[in-house]
Amino acid sequence: MVTTTIVVDDPVDAYELFAVARDVLGLPRDGRWHLVDHGRVHMLQTLPEQGVGALASVHFPLTGGRHPGDPDAGIPGGYLLLAFTTDGGDPGTRRWHRDLASRTGSWLTARRLRWTVSHADGPFTTGYAPHTPAATR
């Protein structure tokens, strides 16, 4: 299994990001997805068997605020976590996951949102951090 995880470190609407993930996968924005209640954290997830090789899921705190991440698994906290998951893991799948993350990251970057990414379960690296003059002083 290959999972690519994007952690968004600025507030963003979970449903809007989920729509972007479906666009990136080439899925329609219709009702072929479900909401999973995990208590404090909810998850929007595409349904399997829609003709694409990955599932997309967006994990977000029900009451807003920051998602705690999973420190034991090395996943940092943020406002939302987006994961693309594929069974298997050949080099072509890994390249495709990089493309999925890149296209999603372009959308986030265009909105000047900070994000980090873990490609194929690797370490997290910074995707984009907007320039803030106060941060350089």
Protein backbone atom coordinates (compact mmCIF):
# COMPACT_ATOMS: atom_id res chain seq x y z
CA MET A 1 0.00 0.00 0.00
CA VAL A 2 1.18 3.52 -0.82
CA THR A 3 -0.11 6.54 1.09
CA THR A 4 0.76 10.14 0.36
CA THR A 5 -0.30 12.53 3.11
CA ILE A 6 -0.62 16.30 2.94
CA VAL A 7 -1.00 18.26 6.19
CA VAL A 8 -2.43 21.76 5.76
CA ASP A 9 -1.13 24.11 8.43
CA ASP A 10 -3.57 26.96 7.81
CA PRO A 11 -7.38 26.98 8.07
CA VAL A 12 -9.10 25.68 4.94
CA ASP A 13 -12.57 24.28 4.34
CA ALA A 14 -12.53 20.46 4.49
CA TYR A 15 -15.24 20.08 1.85
CA GLU A 16 -13.46 22.44 -0.55
CA LEU A 17 -10.16 20.56 -0.19
CA PHE A 18 -12.02 17.26 -0.64
CA ALA A 19 -13.52 18.61 -3.88
CA VAL A 20 -10.01 19.50 -5.06
CA ALA A 21 -8.80 15.97 -4.21
CA ARG A 22 -11.64 14.49 -6.26
CA ASP A 23 -10.79 16.82 -9.16
CA VAL A 24 -7.14 15.74 -8.98
CA LEU A 25 -8.23 12.10 -9.13
CA GLY A 26 -10.56 12.85 -12.05
CA LEU A 27 -13.70 11.98 -10.07
CA PRO A 28 -17.00 13.85 -10.37
CA ARG A 29 -18.13 16.06 -7.51
CA ASP A 30 -21.31 14.06 -7.00
CA GLY A 31 -22.39 12.00 -4.02
CA ARG A 32 -20.03 9.05 -4.51
CA TRP A 33 -18.26 9.59 -1.20
CA HIS A 34 -19.10 9.25 2.47
CA LEU A 35 -18.54 10.96 5.80
CA VAL A 36 -17.08 8.80 8.56
CA ASP A 37 -17.60 9.86 12.19
CA HIS A 38 -14.52 9.04 14.27
CA GLY A 39 -15.75 11.04 17.25
CA ARG A 40 -13.68 14.21 17.60
CA VAL A 41 -12.24 13.80 14.07
CA HIS A 42 -14.37 13.20 10.98
CA MET A 43 -13.26 11.89 7.61
CA LEU A 44 -14.55 12.55 4.11
CA GLN A 45 -13.60 9.61 1.86
CA THR A 46 -14.12 8.68 -1.76
CA LEU A 47 -15.75 5.33 -2.42
CA PRO A 48 -13.73 2.47 -3.89
CA GLU A 49 -14.35 1.05 -7.35
CA GLN A 50 -14.88 4.35 -9.15
CA GLY A 51 -12.31 3.57 -11.81
CA VAL A 52 -9.32 5.34 -10.23
CA GLY A 53 -6.35 3.77 -8.51
CA ALA A 54 -6.49 5.72 -5.25
CA LEU A 55 -8.85 6.68 -2.48
CA ALA A 56 -8.80 10.24 -1.17
CA SER A 57 -9.66 11.10 2.40
CA VAL A 58 -9.74 14.39 4.30
CA HIS A 59 -9.52 14.20 8.10
CA PHE A 60 -10.67 17.21 10.14
CA PRO A 61 -11.73 18.06 13.70
CA LEU A 62 -15.49 18.26 14.04
CA THR A 63 -15.36 21.42 16.15
CA GLY A 64 -12.77 23.18 14.00
CA GLY A 65 -9.30 24.02 15.18
CA ARG A 66 -6.25 21.87 14.64
CA HIS A 67 -6.11 18.15 13.93
CA PRO A 68 -3.71 16.52 16.39
CA GLY A 69 -1.93 14.42 13.78
CA ASP A 70 -0.45 11.12 14.90
CA PRO A 71 2.88 11.71 16.69
CA ASP A 72 3.47 7.95 17.09
CA ALA A 73 3.32 7.56 13.29
CA GLY A 74 5.34 10.75 12.66
CA ILE A 75 2.35 12.65 11.23
CA PRO A 76 2.37 16.31 12.32
CA GLY A 77 -0.75 18.13 13.38
CA GLY A 78 -2.45 20.71 11.21
CA TYR A 79 -5.89 21.97 10.33
CA LEU A 80 -6.57 19.16 7.85
CA LEU A 81 -4.93 15.96 6.72
CA LEU A 82 -5.46 14.79 3.14
CA ALA A 83 -4.39 11.27 2.21
CA PHE A 84 -4.23 9.52 -1.16
CA THR A 85 -4.05 5.74 -0.66
CA THR A 86 -3.39 3.05 -3.25
CA ASP A 87 -3.05 -0.71 -2.92
CA GLY A 88 0.26 -1.86 -4.35
CA GLY A 89 3.41 0.19 -4.66
CA ASP A 90 5.25 -0.12 -7.96
CA PRO A 91 7.38 2.81 -9.20
CA GLY A 92 4.57 4.03 -11.48
CA THR A 93 2.20 4.29 -8.51
CA ARG A 94 4.77 6.27 -6.55
CA ARG A 95 5.24 8.69 -9.46
CA TRP A 96 1.46 9.08 -9.77
CA HIS A 97 1.22 9.88 -6.04
CA ARG A 98 3.86 12.61 -6.49
CA ASP A 99 1.72 14.05 -9.28
CA LEU A 100 -1.42 13.93 -7.09
CA ALA A 101 0.42 15.74 -4.29
CA SER A 102 1.94 18.25 -6.70
CA ARG A 103 -1.41 19.15 -8.26
CA THR A 104 -3.08 19.44 -4.86
CA GLY A 105 -0.11 21.42 -3.57
CA SER A 106 -0.43 23.86 -6.48
CA TRP A 107 -4.00 24.59 -5.40
CA LEU A 108 -2.89 25.12 -1.78
CA THR A 109 0.09 27.26 -2.78
CA ALA A 110 -2.09 29.46 -5.02
CA ARG A 111 -4.11 30.24 -1.89
CA ARG A 112 -0.92 30.96 0.10
CA LEU A 113 -1.61 28.08 2.49
CA ARG A 114 1.24 26.36 4.32
CA TRP A 115 1.46 22.60 3.85
CA THR A 116 3.79 19.66 4.29
CA VAL A 117 3.79 16.37 2.43
CA SER A 118 4.88 12.78 2.97
CA HIS A 119 5.33 10.96 -0.34
CA ALA A 120 4.69 7.22 -0.20
CA ASP A 121 4.98 7.06 3.59
CA GLY A 122 8.34 8.87 3.60
CA PRO A 123 9.35 11.75 5.88
CA PHE A 124 7.39 14.99 5.84
CA THR A 125 8.87 17.87 3.86
CA THR A 126 7.66 21.46 3.53
CA GLY A 127 5.50 22.09 0.50
CA TYR A 128 5.13 25.84 0.84
CA ALA A 129 5.49 28.51 3.49
CA PRO A 130 4.25 31.97 2.53
CA HIS A 131 6.67 34.85 3.01
CA THR A 132 5.88 36.81 6.11
CA PRO A 133 8.13 39.79 6.88
CA ALA A 134 7.78 39.21 10.65
CA ALA A 135 9.25 35.73 10.25
CA THR A 136 12.48 37.06 8.75
CA ARG A 137 13.28 39.56 11.53
